[in-house]
C-alpha atoms as a PDB file:
ATOM      1  CA  UNK A   1     120.595 108.711 119.176  1.00  0.00           C
ATOM      2  CA  UNK A   2     122.105 107.294 115.964  1.00  0.00           C
ATOM      3  CA  UNK A   3     119.428 104.597 115.724  1.00  0.00           C
ATOM      4  CA  UNK A   4     116.650 107.142 116.241  1.00  0.00           C
ATOM      5  CA  UNK A   5     118.029 109.319 113.454  1.00  0.00           C
ATOM      6  CA  UNK A   6     118.570 106.314 111.168  1.00  0.00           C
ATOM      7  CA  UNK A   7     115.044 105.080 111.848  1.00  0.00           C
ATOM      8  CA  UNK A   8     113.615 108.506 110.994  1.00  0.00           C
ATOM      9  CA  UNK A   9     115.597 108.639 107.725  1.00  0.00           C
ATOM     10  CA  UNK A  10     114.626 105.052 106.857  1.00  0.00           C
ATOM     11  CA  UNK A  11     110.951 105.759 107.514  1.00  0.00           C
ATOM     12  CA  UNK A  12     111.052 108.831 105.267  1.00  0.00           C
ATOM     13  CA  UNK A  13     112.945 106.937 102.559  1.00  0.00           C
ATOM     14  CA  UNK A  14     110.360 104.150 102.479  1.00  0.00           C
ATOM     15  CA  UNK A  15     107.569 106.724 102.500  1.00  0.00           C
ATOM     16  CA  UNK A  16     109.115 108.466  99.476  1.00  0.00           C
ATOM     17  CA  UNK A  17     109.516 105.147  97.639  1.00  0.00           C
ATOM     18  CA  UNK A  18     105.885 104.213  98.314  1.00  0.00           C
ATOM     19  CA  UNK A  19     104.636 107.667  97.295  1.00  0.00           C
ATOM     20  CA  UNK A  20     106.445 107.437  93.975  1.00  0.00           C
ATOM     21  CA  UNK A  21     105.010 103.990  93.286  1.00  0.00           C
ATOM     22  CA  UNK A  22     101.493 105.218  94.101  1.00  0.00           C
ATOM     23  CA  UNK A  23     101.968 108.266  91.876  1.00  0.00           C
ATOM     24  CA  UNK A  24     103.348 106.152  89.032  1.00  0.00           C
ATOM     25  CA  UNK A  25     100.298 103.915  89.279  1.00  0.00           C
ATOM     26  CA  UNK A  26      97.850 106.813  89.365  1.00  0.00           C
ATOM     27  CA  UNK A  27      99.511 108.456  86.372  1.00  0.00           C
ATOM     28  CA  UNK A  28      99.371 105.201  84.419  1.00  0.00           C
ATOM     29  CA  UNK A  29      95.661 104.941  85.273  1.00  0.00           C
ATOM     30  CA  UNK A  30      95.191 108.520  84.040  1.00  0.00           C
ATOM     31  CA  UNK A  31      96.754 107.628  80.685  1.00  0.00           C
ATOM     32  CA  UNK A  32      94.521 104.572  80.450  1.00  0.00           C
ATOM     33  CA  UNK A  33      91.447 106.664  81.270  1.00  0.00           C
ATOM     34  CA  UNK A  34      92.351 109.239  78.638  1.00  0.00           C
ATOM     35  CA  UNK A  35      92.694 106.541  75.983  1.00  0.00           C
ATOM     36  CA  UNK A  36      89.461 104.842  77.042  1.00  0.00           C
ATOM     37  CA  UNK A  37      87.604 108.181  76.968  1.00  0.00           C
ATOM     38  CA  UNK A  38      88.781 108.861  73.442  1.00  0.00           C
ATOM     39  CA  UNK A  39      87.572 105.456  72.287  1.00  0.00           C
ATOM     40  CA  UNK A  40      84.266 105.683  74.176  1.00  0.00           C
ATOM     41  CA  UNK A  41      83.544 109.046  72.576  1.00  0.00           C
ATOM     42  CA  UNK A  42      84.526 107.769  69.130  1.00  0.00           C
ATOM     43  CA  UNK A  43      87.088 110.526  68.667  1.00  0.00           C
ATOM     44  CA  UNK A  44      89.895 110.257  66.105  1.00  0.00           C
ATOM     45  CA  UNK A  45      93.233 108.900  67.332  1.00  0.00           C
ATOM     46  CA  UNK A  46      94.797 112.366  67.045  1.00  0.00           C
ATOM     47  CA  UNK A  47      92.289 113.773  69.567  1.00  0.00           C
ATOM     48  CA  UNK A  48      94.015 114.400  72.863  1.00  0.00           C
ATOM     49  CA  UNK A  49      97.444 113.347  71.621  1.00  0.00           C
ATOM     50  CA  UNK A  50      99.119 116.384  73.199  1.00  0.00           C
ATOM     51  CA  UNK A  51      97.416 115.636  76.524  1.00  0.00           C
ATOM     52  CA  UNK A  52      98.241 111.919  76.426  1.00  0.00           C
ATOM     53  CA  UNK A  53     101.819 112.758  75.423  1.00  0.00           C
ATOM     54  CA  UNK A  54     102.164 115.148  78.346  1.00  0.00           C
ATOM     55  CA  UNK A  55     100.885 112.500  80.748  1.00  0.00           C
ATOM     56  CA  UNK A  56     103.295 109.953  79.254  1.00  0.00           C
ATOM     57  CA  UNK A  57     106.175 112.417  79.741  1.00  0.00           C
ATOM     58  CA  UNK A  58     105.095 112.856  83.355  1.00  0.00           C
ATOM     59  CA  UNK A  59     105.110 109.078  83.771  1.00  0.00           C
ATOM     60  CA  UNK A  60     108.653 108.874  82.358  1.00  0.00           C
ATOM     61  CA  UNK A  61     109.786 111.684  84.678  1.00  0.00           C
ATOM     62  CA  UNK A  62     108.269 109.869  87.654  1.00  0.00           C
ATOM     63  CA  UNK A  63     110.146 106.702  86.694  1.00  0.00           C
ATOM     64  CA  UNK A  64     113.401 108.684  86.597  1.00  0.00           C
ATOM     65  CA  UNK A  65     112.569 110.153  90.006  1.00  0.00           C
ATOM     66  CA  UNK A  66     111.878 106.652  91.331  1.00  0.00           C
ATOM     67  CA  UNK A  67     115.248 105.473  90.027  1.00  0.00           C
ATOM     68  CA  UNK A  68     116.940 108.439  91.722  1.00  0.00           C
ATOM     69  CA  UNK A  69     115.286 107.651  95.063  1.00  0.00           C
ATOM     70  CA  UNK A  70     116.436 104.026  94.707  1.00  0.00           C
ATOM     71  CA  UNK A  71     119.956 105.333  94.030  1.00  0.00           C
ATOM     72  CA  UNK A  72     119.594 107.381  97.216  1.00  0.00           C
ATOM     73  CA  UNK A  73     118.571 104.217  99.067  1.00  0.00           C
ATOM     74  CA  UNK A  74     121.667 102.444  97.786  1.00  0.00           C
ATOM     75  CA  UNK A  75     123.848 105.420  98.724  1.00  0.00           C
ATOM     76  CA  UNK A  76     122.465 105.415 102.263  1.00  0.00           C
ATOM     77  CA  UNK A  77     123.254 101.702 102.527  1.00  0.00           C
ATOM     78  CA  UNK A  78     126.820 102.473 101.413  1.00  0.00           C
ATOM     79  CA  UNK A  79     127.095 105.200 104.064  1.00  0.00           C
ATOM     80  CA  UNK A  80     125.772 102.808 106.683  1.00  0.00           C
ATOM     81  CA  UNK A  81     128.504 100.320 105.782  1.00  0.00           C
ATOM     82  CA  UNK A  82     131.218 102.971 105.528  1.00  0.00           C
ATOM     83  CA  UNK A  83     130.505 104.446 108.941  1.00  0.00           C
ATOM     84  CA  UNK A  84     129.448 101.258 110.702  1.00  0.00           C
ATOM     85  CA  UNK A  85     125.882 102.281 111.536  1.00  0.00           C
ATOM     86  CA  UNK A  86     123.499  99.552 112.634  1.00  0.00           C
ATOM     87  CA  UNK A  87     120.953  98.292 110.135  1.00  0.00           C
ATOM     88  CA  UNK A  88     117.487  99.697 110.701  1.00  0.00           C
ATOM     89  CA  UNK A  89     114.757  97.209 109.778  1.00  0.00           C
ATOM     90  CA  UNK A  90     111.924  99.422 108.605  1.00  0.00           C
ATOM     91  CA  UNK A  91     110.970  98.045 105.216  1.00  0.00           C
ATOM     92  CA  UNK A  92     111.045  94.889 103.140  1.00  0.00           C
ATOM     93  CA  UNK A  93     113.829  92.745 104.528  1.00  0.00           C
ATOM     94  CA  UNK A  94     114.395  90.353 101.610  1.00  0.00           C
ATOM     95  CA  UNK A  95     115.851  92.316  98.702  1.00  0.00           C
ATOM     96  CA  UNK A  96     117.340  90.044  96.020  1.00  0.00           C
ATOM     97  CA  UNK A  97     120.337  91.506  94.276  1.00  0.00           C
ATOM     98  CA  UNK A  98     119.273  93.057  90.954  1.00  0.00           C
ATOM     99  CA  UNK A  99     115.884  91.329  90.659  1.00  0.00           C
ATOM    100  CA  UNK A 100     112.323  91.816  91.827  1.00  0.00           C
ATOM    101  CA  UNK A 101     110.963  89.140  94.157  1.00  0.00           C
ATOM    102  CA  UNK A 102     109.336  86.330  92.160  1.00  0.00           C
ATOM    103  CA  UNK A 103     105.629  86.849  91.708  1.00  0.00           C
ATOM    104  CA  UNK A 104     105.536  90.295  93.317  1.00  0.00           C
ATOM    105  CA  UNK A 105     104.770  92.198  90.155  1.00  0.00           C
ATOM    106  CA  UNK A 106     102.966  89.345  88.439  1.00  0.00           C
ATOM    107  CA  UNK A 107     100.284  89.413  91.114  1.00  0.00           C
ATOM    108  CA  UNK A 108      99.771  93.121  90.531  1.00  0.00           C
ATOM    109  CA  UNK A 109      99.450  92.730  86.772  1.00  0.00           C
END
């Protein structure tokens, strides 16, 4: 029963992490589209600043939410260790300490 519960929590955790990354990406694309639309329509730089600023604030809030979910992930790992639960392999297995895997983000850029 413990493994079933842990697997369900792990699946939801990874789903939340992926959803935040997708939302971060979509919000960044929105900001890019807003800037491109301003340029394409030959509007002054001040045009849409409030809207672009609001989208940028949303992006920053999403990044903070992402960080919080990653803190949750770390906290769950601590609980697993503290209570001796088995590791549930449901996501990326190689997670270097404090660094992104080499080339992972470069390929996306």
